[in-house]
């Protein structure tokens, strides 16, 4: 399923952690705080629950 993730995080450290996590799941950066890619349902649920 094509997934689009866009976020607004002001803290550089937290923003970097989120970006690394999304790239580890295979998402591609399309903007500074925007990623897209194909994720299965399980991975989408896991990412939705990450704090």
PDB file of N, CA and C in Angstrom:
ATOM      1  N   UNK A   1       0.848  -1.164   0.000  1.00  0.00           N
ATOM      2  CA  UNK A   1       0.000   0.000   0.000  1.00  0.00           C
ATOM      3  C   UNK A   1       0.901   1.237   0.000  1.00  0.00           C
ATOM      4  N   UNK A   2       0.641   2.173  -0.873  1.00  0.00           N
ATOM      5  CA  UNK A   2       1.420   3.406  -0.909  1.00  0.00           C
ATOM      6  C   UNK A   2       1.108   4.224   0.342  1.00  0.00           C
ATOM      7  N   UNK A   3       2.157   4.663   0.997  1.00  0.00           N
ATOM      8  CA  UNK A   3       2.026   5.385   2.257  1.00  0.00           C
ATOM      9  C   UNK A   3       2.710   6.735   2.145  1.00  0.00           C
ATOM     10  N   UNK A   4       2.046   7.754   2.619  1.00  0.00           N
ATOM     11  CA  UNK A   4       2.594   9.103   2.658  1.00  0.00           C
ATOM     12  C   UNK A   4       2.651   9.537   4.115  1.00  0.00           C
ATOM     13  N   UNK A   5       3.830   9.955   4.553  1.00  0.00           N
ATOM     14  CA  UNK A   5       4.017  10.411   5.932  1.00  0.00           C
ATOM     15  C   UNK A   5       4.539  11.840   5.887  1.00  0.00           C
ATOM     16  N   UNK A   6       3.820  12.724   6.537  1.00  0.00           N
ATOM     17  CA  UNK A   6       4.222  14.119   6.647  1.00  0.00           C
ATOM     18  C   UNK A   6       4.114  14.494   8.123  1.00  0.00           C
ATOM     19  N   UNK A   7       5.151  15.134   8.636  1.00  0.00           N
ATOM     20  CA  UNK A   7       5.145  15.473  10.051  1.00  0.00           C
ATOM     21  C   UNK A   7       5.736  16.855  10.278  1.00  0.00           C
ATOM     22  N   UNK A   8       5.431  17.410  11.443  1.00  0.00           N
ATOM     23  CA  UNK A   8       5.944  18.714  11.843  1.00  0.00           C
ATOM     24  C   UNK A   8       6.513  18.564  13.250  1.00  0.00           C
ATOM     25  N   UNK A   9       7.827  18.390  13.327  1.00  0.00           N
ATOM     26  CA  UNK A   9       8.509  18.206  14.609  1.00  0.00           C
ATOM     27  C   UNK A   9       9.559  19.298  14.728  1.00  0.00           C
ATOM     28  N   UNK A  10       9.479  20.092  15.780  1.00  0.00           N
ATOM     29  CA  UNK A  10      10.387  21.240  15.910  1.00  0.00           C
ATOM     30  C   UNK A  10      11.760  20.847  16.457  1.00  0.00           C
ATOM     31  N   UNK A  11      11.838  19.817  17.273  1.00  0.00           N
ATOM     32  CA  UNK A  11      13.098  19.409  17.882  1.00  0.00           C
ATOM     33  C   UNK A  11      13.947  18.625  16.874  1.00  0.00           C
ATOM     34  N   UNK A  12      15.159  19.101  16.618  1.00  0.00           N
ATOM     35  CA  UNK A  12      16.029  18.473  15.619  1.00  0.00           C
ATOM     36  C   UNK A  12      16.320  17.007  15.933  1.00  0.00           C
ATOM     37  N   UNK A  13      16.586  16.698  17.173  1.00  0.00           N
ATOM     38  CA  UNK A  13      16.916  15.328  17.578  1.00  0.00           C
ATOM     39  C   UNK A  13      15.742  14.375  17.309  1.00  0.00           C
ATOM     40  N   UNK A  14      14.545  14.784  17.700  1.00  0.00           N
ATOM     41  CA  UNK A  14      13.362  13.955  17.475  1.00  0.00           C
ATOM     42  C   UNK A  14      13.056  13.815  15.983  1.00  0.00           C
ATOM     43  N   UNK A  15      13.206  14.906  15.241  1.00  0.00           N
ATOM     44  CA  UNK A  15      12.944  14.875  13.794  1.00  0.00           C
ATOM     45  C   UNK A  15      13.907  13.919  13.099  1.00  0.00           C
ATOM     46  N   UNK A  16      15.172  13.927  13.513  1.00  0.00           N
ATOM     47  CA  UNK A  16      16.171  13.038  12.942  1.00  0.00           C
ATOM     48  C   UNK A  16      15.817  11.578  13.227  1.00  0.00           C
ATOM     49  N   UNK A  17      15.382  11.282  14.447  1.00  0.00           N
ATOM     50  CA  UNK A  17      14.999   9.915  14.812  1.00  0.00           C
ATOM     51  C   UNK A  17      13.835   9.416  13.961  1.00  0.00           C
ATOM     52  N   UNK A  18      12.844  10.261  13.756  1.00  0.00           N
ATOM     53  CA  UNK A  18      11.692   9.874  12.938  1.00  0.00           C
ATOM     54  C   UNK A  18      12.124   9.628  11.498  1.00  0.00           C
ATOM     55  N   UNK A  19      12.958  10.509  10.964  1.00  0.00           N
ATOM     56  CA  UNK A  19      13.431  10.350   9.583  1.00  0.00           C
ATOM     57  C   UNK A  19      14.205   9.045   9.428  1.00  0.00           C
ATOM     58  N   UNK A  20      15.081   8.739  10.367  1.00  0.00           N
ATOM     59  CA  UNK A  20      15.852   7.485  10.303  1.00  0.00           C
ATOM     60  C   UNK A  20      14.933   6.273  10.368  1.00  0.00           C
ATOM     61  N   UNK A  21      13.939   6.319  11.246  1.00  0.00           N
ATOM     62  CA  UNK A  21      12.993   5.213  11.372  1.00  0.00           C
ATOM     63  C   UNK A  21      12.247   4.983  10.062  1.00  0.00           C
ATOM     64  N   UNK A  22      11.761   6.060   9.464  1.00  0.00           N
ATOM     65  CA  UNK A  22      11.022   5.929   8.211  1.00  0.00           C
ATOM     66  C   UNK A  22      11.907   5.402   7.087  1.00  0.00           C
ATOM     67  N   UNK A  23      13.146   5.845   7.043  1.00  0.00           N
ATOM     68  CA  UNK A  23      14.067   5.337   6.013  1.00  0.00           C
ATOM     69  C   UNK A  23      14.389   3.863   6.246  1.00  0.00           C
ATOM     70  N   UNK A  24      14.456   3.444   7.518  1.00  0.00           N
ATOM     71  CA  UNK A  24      14.687   2.033   7.824  1.00  0.00           C
ATOM     72  C   UNK A  24      13.533   1.151   7.359  1.00  0.00           C
ATOM     73  N   UNK A  25      12.351   1.716   7.270  1.00  0.00           N
ATOM     74  CA  UNK A  25      11.200   0.976   6.762  1.00  0.00           C
ATOM     75  C   UNK A  25      11.112   1.051   5.237  1.00  0.00           C
ATOM     76  N   UNK A  26      12.085   1.694   4.624  1.00  0.00           N
ATOM     77  CA  UNK A  26      12.145   1.729   3.168  1.00  0.00           C
ATOM     78  C   UNK A  26      11.423   2.887   2.520  1.00  0.00           C
ATOM     79  N   UNK A  27      10.987   3.856   3.313  1.00  0.00           N
ATOM     80  CA  UNK A  27      10.320   5.013   2.737  1.00  0.00           C
ATOM     81  C   UNK A  27      11.349   5.972   2.162  1.00  0.00           C
ATOM     82  N   UNK A  28      10.965   6.683   1.146  1.00  0.00           N
ATOM     83  CA  UNK A  28      11.832   7.610   0.434  1.00  0.00           C
ATOM     84  C   UNK A  28      11.485   9.038   0.833  1.00  0.00           C
ATOM     85  N   UNK A  29      12.517   9.824   1.121  1.00  0.00           N
ATOM     86  CA  UNK A  29      12.288  11.225   1.484  1.00  0.00           C
ATOM     87  C   UNK A  29      11.900  11.998   0.228  1.00  0.00           C
ATOM     88  N   UNK A  30      10.755  12.713   0.292  1.00  0.00           N
ATOM     89  CA  UNK A  30      10.306  13.522  -0.839  1.00  0.00           C
ATOM     90  C   UNK A  30      10.384  15.011  -0.524  1.00  0.00           C
ATOM     91  N   UNK A  31      10.440  15.335   0.757  1.00  0.00           N
ATOM     92  CA  UNK A  31      10.653  16.697   1.239  1.00  0.00           C
ATOM     93  C   UNK A  31      11.361  16.585   2.574  1.00  0.00           C
ATOM     94  N   UNK A  32      11.677  17.710   3.175  1.00  0.00           N
ATOM     95  CA  UNK A  32      12.419  17.686   4.442  1.00  0.00           C
ATOM     96  C   UNK A  32      11.689  16.866   5.511  1.00  0.00           C
ATOM     97  N   UNK A  33      10.390  17.016   5.616  1.00  0.00           N
ATOM     98  CA  UNK A  33       9.603  16.262   6.593  1.00  0.00           C
ATOM     99  C   UNK A  33       8.479  15.490   5.914  1.00  0.00           C
ATOM    100  N   UNK A  34       8.771  14.950   4.759  1.00  0.00           N
ATOM    101  CA  UNK A  34       7.786  14.169   4.015  1.00  0.00           C
ATOM    102  C   UNK A  34       8.427  12.941   3.400  1.00  0.00           C
ATOM    103  N   UNK A  35       7.767  11.800   3.577  1.00  0.00           N
ATOM    104  CA  UNK A  35       8.262  10.525   3.060  1.00  0.00           C
ATOM    105  C   UNK A  35       7.134   9.789   2.358  1.00  0.00           C
ATOM    106  N   UNK A  36       7.501   8.959   1.375  1.00  0.00           N
ATOM    107  CA  UNK A  36       6.502   8.114   0.728  1.00  0.00           C
ATOM    108  C   UNK A  36       7.150   6.776   0.407  1.00  0.00           C
ATOM    109  N   UNK A  37       6.301   5.787   0.243  1.00  0.00           N
ATOM    110  CA  UNK A  37       6.793   4.466  -0.110  1.00  0.00           C
ATOM    111  C   UNK A  37       5.699   3.436   0.066  1.00  0.00           C
ATOM    112  N   UNK A  38       6.077   2.207  -0.179  1.00  0.00           N
ATOM    113  CA  UNK A  38       5.133   1.103  -0.068  1.00  0.00           C
ATOM    114  C   UNK A  38       5.381   0.366   1.245  1.00  0.00           C
ATOM    115  N   UNK A  39       4.335   0.257   2.046  1.00  0.00           N
ATOM    116  CA  UNK A  39       4.388  -0.470   3.307  1.00  0.00           C
ATOM    117  C   UNK A  39       3.262  -1.487   3.350  1.00  0.00           C
ATOM    118  N   UNK A  40       3.526  -2.609   3.999  1.00  0.00           N
ATOM    119  CA  UNK A  40       2.443  -3.566   4.202  1.00  0.00           C
ATOM    120  C   UNK A  40       1.613  -3.120   5.413  1.00  0.00           C
ATOM    121  N   UNK A  41       0.495  -3.749   5.607  1.00  0.00           N
ATOM    122  CA  UNK A  41      -0.435  -3.353   6.672  1.00  0.00           C
ATOM    123  C   UNK A  41       0.220  -3.454   8.047  1.00  0.00           C
ATOM    124  N   UNK A  42       0.983  -4.497   8.277  1.00  0.00           N
ATOM    125  CA  UNK A  42       1.638  -4.691   9.575  1.00  0.00           C
ATOM    126  C   UNK A  42       2.594  -3.541   9.881  1.00  0.00           C
ATOM    127  N   UNK A  43       3.441  -3.182   8.935  1.00  0.00           N
ATOM    128  CA  UNK A  43       4.390  -2.099   9.158  1.00  0.00           C
ATOM    129  C   UNK A  43       3.688  -0.759   9.362  1.00  0.00           C
ATOM    130  N   UNK A  44       2.590  -0.532   8.657  1.00  0.00           N
ATOM    131  CA  UNK A  44       1.819   0.704   8.861  1.00  0.00           C
ATOM    132  C   UNK A  44       1.284   0.777  10.281  1.00  0.00           C
ATOM    133  N   UNK A  45       0.795  -0.339  10.788  1.00  0.00           N
ATOM    134  CA  UNK A  45       0.279  -0.366  12.164  1.00  0.00           C
ATOM    135  C   UNK A  45       1.394  -0.129  13.174  1.00  0.00           C
ATOM    136  N   UNK A  46       2.550  -0.732  12.953  1.00  0.00           N
ATOM    137  CA  UNK A  46       3.679  -0.534  13.855  1.00  0.00           C
ATOM    138  C   UNK A  46       4.094   0.932  13.874  1.00  0.00           C
ATOM    139  N   UNK A  47       4.234   1.555  12.720  1.00  0.00           N
ATOM    140  CA  UNK A  47       4.631   2.960  12.660  1.00  0.00           C
ATOM    141  C   UNK A  47       3.586   3.867  13.295  1.00  0.00           C
ATOM    142  N   UNK A  48       2.329   3.529  13.178  1.00  0.00           N
ATOM    143  CA  UNK A  48       1.274   4.351  13.758  1.00  0.00           C
ATOM    144  C   UNK A  48       1.316   4.326  15.290  1.00  0.00           C
ATOM    145  N   UNK A  49       1.890   3.268  15.874  1.00  0.00           N
ATOM    146  CA  UNK A  49       1.930   3.124  17.331  1.00  0.00           C
ATOM    147  C   UNK A  49       3.234   3.614  17.943  1.00  0.00           C
ATOM    148  N   UNK A  50       4.221   3.973  17.137  1.00  0.00           N
ATOM    149  CA  UNK A  50       5.514   4.424  17.663  1.00  0.00           C
ATOM    150  C   UNK A  50       5.344   5.790  18.298  1.00  0.00           C
ATOM    151  N   UNK A  51       5.908   5.951  19.494  1.00  0.00           N
ATOM    152  CA  UNK A  51       5.843   7.246  20.194  1.00  0.00           C
ATOM    153  C   UNK A  51       7.087   8.022  19.958  1.00  0.00           C
TER     154      UNK A  51
END
